[in-house]
């Protein structure tokens, strides 16, 4: 410990380290909720680009990479703050980030080009002014931590800080990959499994679903008919059918054949044109009838293009990404007697606590091992 660090009193050390841990938890929370739903972060980045007149300059594939990098950076910086790794560099990075973000969020609050910043994804929605005030508070914390960085007490020896980098990076990459290929492990949006759309949409109980309306080609509103159907209905959802993945068309064909065999409906929902629908239908080889819906609720319903949703009595029974569409083996009988047609049981691995353990337990284990090695030495 340097002479300057020794001169710092105990109350100042407690304050600085408390602020550093609070910053670390905030950055990790912000990064993890983005990592839960990278496609949602991609959509928010696209909203920003369009708001500033730069829409279309970056491909979706580029935006999803940027979304993952942003989430990964926040998670890594948060982990560094929590364990006190690389105190000088980390405190500087955090301060620079807050110095850049705070005036930007002030501009957003004053001009309102987007409705909300998306800094905490759909897990915690803040108004633009709430985001600005939050960033003022974090900027003050970051400034204090940077000025008094020599008072930071690391929980892990400096020579083992690279272990934190490796572990956190591997977990974050695997976690985000799973959430992109499948669906988000936690669903904070309005159209989660178990939602009764008849109550939320038809009775106007949920403002977040106010833009959900299903039309046919003649602009007849079929929303009530769709949500009041007492039988099972598969919805093939694609906000932009022209960009839909065609790598699993065989699975979609299998579901189409299954519906024909058991008499269930399968309906496509899209915001694309009839020409695009015709082209996709020719490629898919399945004569799925399509209805039209605004792209925003479609993107919110399922973070996959295409995605599959199962409805019954207006209730969302289940939903799948295009790589998780039920196979022939899973569709082995009528929906009312097989697992696919039932609301899934609660999964202990798909809870906020499980996600916290996933990211925090490895950090705790590294700290514990480091402490034990120090005791042995």
Protein backbone atom coordinates (compact mmCIF):
# COMPACT_ATOMS: atom_id res chain seq x y z
CA UNK A 1 0.00 0.00 0.00
CA UNK A 2 1.37 3.43 -0.96
CA UNK A 3 2.01 6.22 1.55
CA UNK A 4 -0.87 8.20 0.01
CA UNK A 5 -3.24 5.29 0.48
CA UNK A 6 -2.16 4.93 4.13
CA UNK A 7 -3.04 8.57 4.77
CA UNK A 8 -6.66 8.02 3.76
CA UNK A 9 -8.81 7.64 6.83
CA UNK A 10 -11.08 4.68 7.55
CA UNK A 11 -14.34 6.61 7.00
CA UNK A 12 -13.11 7.74 3.56
CA UNK A 13 -12.10 4.19 2.65
CA UNK A 14 -15.50 2.86 3.67
CA UNK A 15 -17.27 5.54 1.65
CA UNK A 16 -15.15 5.05 -1.48
CA UNK A 17 -15.49 1.27 -1.42
CA UNK A 18 -19.22 1.48 -0.77
CA UNK A 19 -19.58 3.79 -3.79
CA UNK A 20 -17.43 1.51 -5.90
CA UNK A 21 -19.55 -1.55 -5.02
CA UNK A 22 -22.76 0.40 -5.69
CA UNK A 23 -21.39 1.44 -9.09
CA UNK A 24 -20.35 -2.13 -9.78
CA UNK A 25 -23.80 -3.52 -9.01
CA UNK A 26 -25.43 -0.85 -11.17
CA UNK A 27 -23.17 -1.54 -14.15
CA UNK A 28 -23.59 -5.29 -13.80
CA UNK A 29 -27.37 -4.97 -13.57
CA UNK A 30 -27.43 -2.73 -16.64
CA UNK A 31 -25.20 -5.11 -18.58
CA UNK A 32 -26.97 -8.31 -17.53
CA UNK A 33 -30.47 -7.08 -18.47
CA UNK A 34 -29.07 -6.11 -21.88
CA UNK A 35 -27.44 -9.54 -22.15
CA UNK A 36 -30.76 -11.20 -21.30
CA UNK A 37 -32.32 -9.56 -24.36
CA UNK A 38 -29.60 -8.60 -26.88
CA UNK A 39 -32.16 -8.35 -29.69
CA UNK A 40 -34.11 -5.83 -27.62
CA UNK A 41 -30.92 -3.79 -27.19
CA UNK A 42 -30.35 -4.05 -30.93
CA UNK A 43 -33.85 -2.66 -31.55
CA UNK A 44 -33.21 0.21 -29.11
CA UNK A 45 -29.92 1.05 -30.86
CA UNK A 46 -31.81 1.09 -34.15
CA UNK A 47 -34.37 3.47 -32.61
CA UNK A 48 -31.55 5.83 -31.66
CA UNK A 49 -30.10 5.73 -35.16
CA UNK A 50 -33.46 6.56 -36.73
CA UNK A 51 -34.07 9.31 -34.17
CA UNK A 52 -30.80 10.97 -35.22
CA UNK A 53 -31.36 10.48 -38.93
CA UNK A 54 -28.92 7.59 -39.34
CA UNK A 55 -31.39 4.76 -39.74
CA UNK A 56 -30.33 2.10 -42.21
CA UNK A 57 -26.62 2.91 -42.01
CA UNK A 58 -25.86 -0.20 -39.98
CA UNK A 59 -27.08 -3.73 -40.67
CA UNK A 60 -28.96 -5.68 -38.02
CA UNK A 61 -26.01 -8.07 -37.83
CA UNK A 62 -23.75 -5.13 -36.94
CA UNK A 63 -26.20 -3.76 -34.40
CA UNK A 64 -26.54 -7.09 -32.60
CA UNK A 65 -22.75 -7.25 -32.29
CA UNK A 66 -22.71 -3.69 -30.88
CA UNK A 67 -25.51 -4.63 -28.48
CA UNK A 68 -23.50 -7.59 -27.22
CA UNK A 69 -20.31 -5.53 -26.90
CA UNK A 70 -22.15 -2.86 -24.90
CA UNK A 71 -23.67 -5.44 -22.56
CA UNK A 72 -20.35 -7.25 -22.19
CA UNK A 73 -18.47 -4.03 -21.42
CA UNK A 74 -20.92 -3.06 -18.70
CA UNK A 75 -20.80 -6.53 -17.14
CA UNK A 76 -17.01 -6.61 -17.18
CA UNK A 77 -16.63 -3.10 -15.77
CA UNK A 78 -19.19 -3.93 -13.10
CA UNK A 79 -17.29 -7.08 -12.15
CA UNK A 80 -14.01 -5.15 -11.96
CA UNK A 81 -15.62 -2.60 -9.63
CA UNK A 82 -17.12 -5.29 -7.41
CA UNK A 83 -13.82 -7.10 -6.82
CA UNK A 84 -11.60 -4.02 -7.08
CA UNK A 85 -9.74 -5.22 -10.17
CA UNK A 86 -7.55 -2.79 -12.14
CA UNK A 87 -8.64 0.11 -9.88
CA UNK A 88 -6.87 2.90 -11.75
CA UNK A 89 -7.98 1.92 -15.25
CA UNK A 90 -11.48 0.83 -14.21
CA UNK A 91 -12.22 4.03 -12.28
CA UNK A 92 -11.04 6.08 -15.26
CA UNK A 93 -13.15 4.12 -17.75
CA UNK A 94 -16.24 4.47 -15.57
CA UNK A 95 -15.69 8.21 -15.16
CA UNK A 96 -15.22 8.70 -18.91
CA UNK A 97 -18.37 6.69 -19.63
CA UNK A 98 -20.44 8.77 -17.20
CA UNK A 99 -18.95 12.06 -18.46
CA UNK A 100 -20.03 11.13 -21.99
CA UNK A 101 -23.41 9.62 -21.13
CA UNK A 102 -24.70 12.27 -18.71
CA UNK A 103 -24.88 15.20 -21.18
CA UNK A 104 -26.22 12.82 -23.82
CA UNK A 105 -29.08 11.76 -21.54
CA UNK A 106 -29.75 15.45 -20.78
CA UNK A 107 -30.18 16.04 -24.50
CA UNK A 108 -32.49 13.02 -24.69
CA UNK A 109 -34.55 14.31 -21.76
CA UNK A 110 -34.86 17.79 -23.29
CA UNK A 111 -35.69 16.73 -26.84
CA UNK A 112 -37.29 13.30 -26.28
CA UNK A 113 -36.20 11.68 -29.59
CA UNK A 114 -36.91 8.25 -28.02
CA UNK A 115 -39.50 7.47 -25.37
CA UNK A 116 -37.05 5.90 -22.91
CA UNK A 117 -33.33 5.24 -22.97
CA UNK A 118 -33.38 1.46 -22.59
CA UNK A 119 -30.41 1.55 -20.22
CA UNK A 120 -32.00 -1.16 -18.06
CA UNK A 121 -33.77 -2.93 -20.91
CA UNK A 122 -37.37 -3.92 -20.19
CA UNK A 123 -36.51 -4.97 -16.64
CA UNK A 124 -36.69 -1.42 -15.27
CA UNK A 125 -38.16 1.24 -17.54
CA UNK A 126 -37.18 4.81 -16.65
CA UNK A 127 -38.37 8.04 -18.19
CA UNK A 128 -35.74 10.13 -19.93
CA UNK A 129 -35.62 12.59 -17.03
CA UNK A 130 -35.29 9.75 -14.50
CA UNK A 131 -32.40 8.41 -16.56
CA UNK A 132 -30.68 11.81 -16.51
CA UNK A 133 -31.05 12.15 -12.72
CA UNK A 134 -29.78 8.60 -12.30
CA UNK A 135 -26.71 9.42 -14.39
CA UNK A 136 -26.02 12.59 -12.38
CA UNK A 137 -25.93 10.43 -9.26
CA UNK A 138 -23.68 7.82 -10.90
CA UNK A 139 -21.39 10.55 -12.24
CA UNK A 140 -20.86 11.86 -8.71
CA UNK A 141 -20.07 8.36 -7.50
CA UNK A 142 -17.68 7.77 -10.40
CA UNK A 143 -15.93 11.09 -9.73
CA UNK A 144 -15.43 10.24 -6.07
CA UNK A 145 -14.16 6.74 -6.83
CA UNK A 146 -11.71 8.08 -9.42
CA UNK A 147 -10.34 10.84 -7.18
CA UNK A 148 -9.94 8.48 -4.23
CA UNK A 149 -9.04 5.39 -6.28
CA UNK A 150 -6.03 4.68 -4.08
CA UNK A 151 -8.48 3.91 -1.27
CA UNK A 152 -10.01 1.02 -3.24
CA UNK A 153 -9.45 -2.26 -1.41
CA UNK A 154 -9.19 -5.08 -3.97
CA UNK A 155 -10.73 -8.40 -3.02
CA UNK A 156 -8.38 -10.27 -5.37
CA UNK A 157 -4.62 -9.93 -5.83
CA UNK A 158 -3.56 -7.97 -8.91
CA UNK A 159 -1.85 -10.93 -10.53
CA UNK A 160 -5.20 -12.79 -10.58
CA UNK A 161 -7.28 -10.00 -12.10
CA UNK A 162 -6.97 -11.68 -15.50
CA UNK A 163 -8.94 -14.61 -14.07
CA UNK A 164 -11.89 -12.26 -13.51
CA UNK A 165 -11.63 -11.09 -17.11
CA UNK A 166 -11.56 -14.63 -18.48
CA UNK A 167 -14.40 -16.01 -16.35
CA UNK A 168 -16.76 -13.04 -16.80
CA UNK A 169 -16.12 -12.88 -20.55
CA UNK A 170 -16.80 -16.60 -21.05
CA UNK A 171 -20.01 -16.49 -19.00
CA UNK A 172 -21.28 -13.34 -20.73
CA UNK A 173 -20.58 -14.65 -24.25
CA UNK A 174 -22.24 -18.00 -23.54
CA UNK A 175 -25.20 -16.30 -21.87
CA UNK A 176 -25.81 -13.84 -24.71
CA UNK A 177 -25.39 -16.53 -27.37
CA UNK A 178 -28.05 -18.65 -25.68
CA UNK A 179 -30.44 -15.70 -25.41
CA UNK A 180 -30.02 -14.87 -29.10
CA UNK A 181 -30.28 -18.43 -30.44
CA UNK A 182 -33.20 -19.30 -28.20
CA UNK A 183 -35.37 -16.69 -26.48
CA UNK A 184 -34.47 -14.44 -23.51
CA UNK A 185 -34.09 -16.49 -20.34
CA UNK A 186 -36.27 -13.90 -18.58
CA UNK A 187 -39.16 -12.17 -20.32
CA UNK A 188 -39.88 -8.69 -18.95
CA UNK A 189 -42.15 -7.71 -21.84
CA UNK A 190 -45.92 -7.49 -22.08
CA UNK A 191 -46.38 -10.62 -24.23
CA UNK A 192 -44.83 -13.18 -21.87
CA UNK A 193 -45.99 -16.79 -21.65
CA UNK A 194 -49.18 -17.05 -19.61
CA UNK A 195 -50.51 -13.62 -20.62
CA UNK A 196 -54.24 -13.48 -21.37
CA UNK A 197 -54.42 -11.25 -24.44
CA UNK A 198 -58.20 -11.10 -24.30
CA UNK A 199 -57.99 -9.32 -20.95
CA UNK A 200 -54.96 -7.20 -21.75
CA UNK A 201 -55.82 -6.24 -25.34
CA UNK A 202 -59.57 -6.49 -25.85
CA UNK A 203 -60.40 -4.90 -22.52
CA UNK A 204 -57.65 -2.27 -22.97
CA UNK A 205 -56.09 -3.07 -19.62
CA UNK A 206 -52.49 -2.84 -20.77
CA UNK A 207 -51.36 0.39 -22.49
CA UNK A 208 -48.23 -1.43 -23.70
CA UNK A 209 -50.50 -3.53 -25.94
CA UNK A 210 -52.56 -0.67 -27.34
CA UNK A 211 -50.94 -1.06 -30.77
CA UNK A 212 -51.77 -4.76 -31.08
CA UNK A 213 -54.33 -5.10 -33.87
CA UNK A 214 -54.65 -7.88 -36.44
CA UNK A 215 -55.98 -7.09 -39.93
CA UNK A 216 -56.60 -9.06 -43.11
CA UNK A 217 -55.66 -7.82 -46.59
CA UNK A 218 -58.92 -5.85 -46.80
CA UNK A 219 -58.15 -4.08 -43.51
CA UNK A 220 -60.86 -5.91 -41.58
CA UNK A 221 -60.03 -6.07 -37.86
CA UNK A 222 -59.79 -9.73 -36.83
CA UNK A 223 -58.22 -9.19 -33.40
CA UNK A 224 -61.28 -10.25 -31.41
CA UNK A 225 -61.82 -13.34 -33.59
CA UNK A 226 -58.21 -14.44 -33.12
CA UNK A 227 -58.11 -13.92 -29.36
CA UNK A 228 -61.54 -15.43 -28.72
CA UNK A 229 -60.81 -18.74 -30.46
CA UNK A 230 -61.20 -21.53 -27.90
CA UNK A 231 -59.05 -23.93 -29.93
CA UNK A 232 -55.28 -23.94 -30.29
CA UNK A 233 -53.75 -21.54 -32.83
CA UNK A 234 -50.11 -21.35 -33.87
CA UNK A 235 -48.89 -17.86 -34.79
CA UNK A 236 -45.84 -17.63 -37.04
CA UNK A 237 -44.57 -14.17 -36.14
CA UNK A 238 -42.22 -12.16 -38.36
CA UNK A 239 -42.17 -8.38 -38.19
CA UNK A 240 -40.07 -8.25 -41.36
CA UNK A 241 -40.63 -11.41 -43.36
CA UNK A 242 -38.08 -10.35 -45.98
CA UNK A 243 -35.38 -10.65 -43.30
CA UNK A 244 -36.67 -13.86 -41.73
CA UNK A 245 -34.27 -16.75 -41.33
CA UNK A 246 -34.95 -19.64 -43.69
CA UNK A 247 -32.60 -22.08 -42.01
CA UNK A 248 -35.41 -23.92 -40.23
CA UNK A 249 -38.18 -23.93 -42.82
CA UNK A 250 -38.38 -27.71 -42.49
CA UNK A 251 -39.50 -27.32 -38.86
CA UNK A 252 -42.14 -24.79 -39.90
CA UNK A 253 -43.32 -27.21 -42.59
CA UNK A 254 -43.60 -29.95 -39.96
CA UNK A 255 -45.78 -27.72 -37.74
CA UNK A 256 -47.91 -26.82 -40.78
CA UNK A 257 -48.44 -30.51 -41.58
CA UNK A 258 -49.15 -31.26 -37.91
CA UNK A 259 -51.85 -28.57 -37.82
CA UNK A 260 -53.42 -29.99 -40.97
CA UNK A 261 -53.48 -33.47 -39.44
CA UNK A 262 -55.11 -32.44 -36.14
CA UNK A 263 -57.22 -29.55 -37.42
CA UNK A 264 -55.41 -26.71 -35.67
CA UNK A 265 -54.94 -23.28 -37.18
CA UNK A 266 -51.57 -21.84 -38.10
CA UNK A 267 -51.55 -18.16 -39.04
CA UNK A 268 -48.71 -15.87 -40.00
CA UNK A 269 -48.45 -12.36 -38.54
CA UNK A 270 -46.28 -9.79 -40.31
CA UNK A 271 -45.97 -6.14 -41.24
CA UNK A 272 -44.44 -7.00 -44.63
CA UNK A 273 -46.13 -6.54 -47.99
CA UNK A 274 -48.20 -9.14 -49.85
CA UNK A 275 -45.42 -9.54 -52.42
CA UNK A 276 -42.96 -10.44 -49.68
CA UNK A 277 -45.46 -12.89 -48.19
CA UNK A 278 -45.93 -14.55 -51.60
CA UNK A 279 -42.18 -14.93 -52.09
CA UNK A 280 -41.68 -16.36 -48.60
CA UNK A 281 -44.57 -18.80 -49.04
CA UNK A 282 -43.02 -20.09 -52.26
CA UNK A 283 -39.69 -20.61 -50.49
CA UNK A 284 -41.27 -22.25 -47.46
CA UNK A 285 -43.57 -24.57 -49.40
CA UNK A 286 -46.28 -24.16 -46.74
CA UNK A 287 -49.49 -22.32 -47.64
CA UNK A 288 -49.75 -20.47 -44.34
CA UNK A 289 -52.37 -17.68 -44.39
CA UNK A 290 -50.98 -14.35 -43.24
CA UNK A 291 -52.58 -11.47 -41.36
CA UNK A 292 -51.10 -8.04 -40.81
CA UNK A 293 -49.97 -6.35 -37.62
CA UNK A 294 -47.73 -3.41 -36.74
CA UNK A 295 -44.05 -4.27 -36.49
CA UNK A 296 -43.61 -2.96 -32.92
CA UNK A 297 -45.90 -5.46 -31.15
CA UNK A 298 -44.56 -8.25 -33.38
CA UNK A 299 -40.97 -7.48 -32.38
CA UNK A 300 -42.07 -7.32 -28.75
CA UNK A 301 -44.00 -10.59 -28.83
CA UNK A 302 -41.07 -12.81 -29.76
CA UNK A 303 -37.38 -11.93 -30.14
CA UNK A 304 -36.85 -14.16 -33.15
CA UNK A 305 -37.46 -13.75 -36.84
CA UNK A 306 -39.49 -15.83 -37.38
CA UNK A 307 -40.83 -16.96 -34.03
CA UNK A 308 -43.68 -19.27 -33.15
CA UNK A 309 -46.40 -18.59 -30.56
CA UNK A 310 -49.13 -20.96 -29.38
CA UNK A 311 -52.46 -19.39 -28.36
CA UNK A 312 -55.54 -20.88 -26.74
CA UNK A 313 -58.51 -18.80 -25.57
CA UNK A 314 -56.30 -15.76 -26.13
CA UNK A 315 -53.68 -17.02 -23.65
CA UNK A 316 -50.05 -17.30 -24.75
CA UNK A 317 -49.39 -20.96 -23.95
CA UNK A 318 -45.84 -21.08 -25.26
CA UNK A 319 -43.44 -19.50 -27.71
CA UNK A 320 -40.29 -20.57 -29.50
CA UNK A 321 -37.46 -19.09 -31.53
CA UNK A 322 -36.99 -20.45 -35.05
CA UNK A 323 -34.25 -22.82 -33.85
CA UNK A 324 -36.43 -24.19 -31.03
CA UNK A 325 -39.63 -24.86 -33.01
CA UNK A 326 -41.15 -28.17 -31.80
CA UNK A 327 -39.98 -31.19 -33.76
CA UNK A 328 -42.01 -34.17 -34.99
CA UNK A 329 -41.03 -36.09 -31.86
CA UNK A 330 -42.46 -33.34 -29.63
CA UNK A 331 -45.64 -33.07 -31.72
CA UNK A 332 -46.58 -36.67 -31.05
CA UNK A 333 -50.32 -36.22 -30.39
CA UNK A 334 -53.14 -33.72 -29.79
CA UNK A 335 -52.01 -30.54 -28.04
CA UNK A 336 -54.28 -31.04 -25.04
CA UNK A 337 -52.42 -34.23 -24.07
CA UNK A 338 -48.78 -33.42 -24.95
CA UNK A 339 -46.31 -31.11 -23.23
CA UNK A 340 -46.16 -28.63 -26.11
CA UNK A 341 -49.80 -27.68 -25.55
CA UNK A 342 -49.49 -26.98 -21.81
CA UNK A 343 -48.28 -23.91 -19.98
CA UNK A 344 -44.68 -24.70 -18.96
CA UNK A 345 -43.91 -25.36 -15.31
CA UNK A 346 -41.81 -22.73 -13.51
CA UNK A 347 -38.13 -23.28 -14.24
CA UNK A 348 -35.81 -22.50 -11.28
CA UNK A 349 -33.04 -21.75 -13.79
CA UNK A 350 -35.18 -19.05 -15.41
CA UNK A 351 -35.48 -16.69 -12.48
CA UNK A 352 -33.76 -13.41 -11.55
CA UNK A 353 -32.07 -15.19 -8.65
CA UNK A 354 -30.62 -17.83 -10.96
CA UNK A 355 -29.18 -15.14 -13.24
CA UNK A 356 -27.67 -13.35 -10.23
CA UNK A 357 -26.04 -16.59 -9.09
CA UNK A 358 -24.73 -17.23 -12.61
CA UNK A 359 -22.74 -13.99 -12.62
CA UNK A 360 -21.99 -13.35 -8.94
CA UNK A 361 -21.16 -16.86 -7.69
CA UNK A 362 -18.03 -17.22 -9.91
CA UNK A 363 -16.78 -13.84 -8.63
CA UNK A 364 -17.37 -14.96 -5.05
CA UNK A 365 -15.51 -18.23 -5.71
CA UNK A 366 -12.50 -16.39 -7.18
CA UNK A 367 -12.40 -14.08 -4.15
CA UNK A 368 -12.71 -17.05 -1.77
CA UNK A 369 -9.93 -19.01 -3.50
CA UNK A 370 -7.71 -15.93 -3.51
CA UNK A 371 -8.26 -15.46 0.23
CA UNK A 372 -7.51 -19.10 0.97
CA UNK A 373 -4.27 -18.95 -1.02
CA UNK A 374 -3.22 -15.86 0.90
CA UNK A 375 -3.87 -17.65 4.20
CA UNK A 376 -1.85 -20.68 3.09
CA UNK A 377 1.06 -18.52 1.93
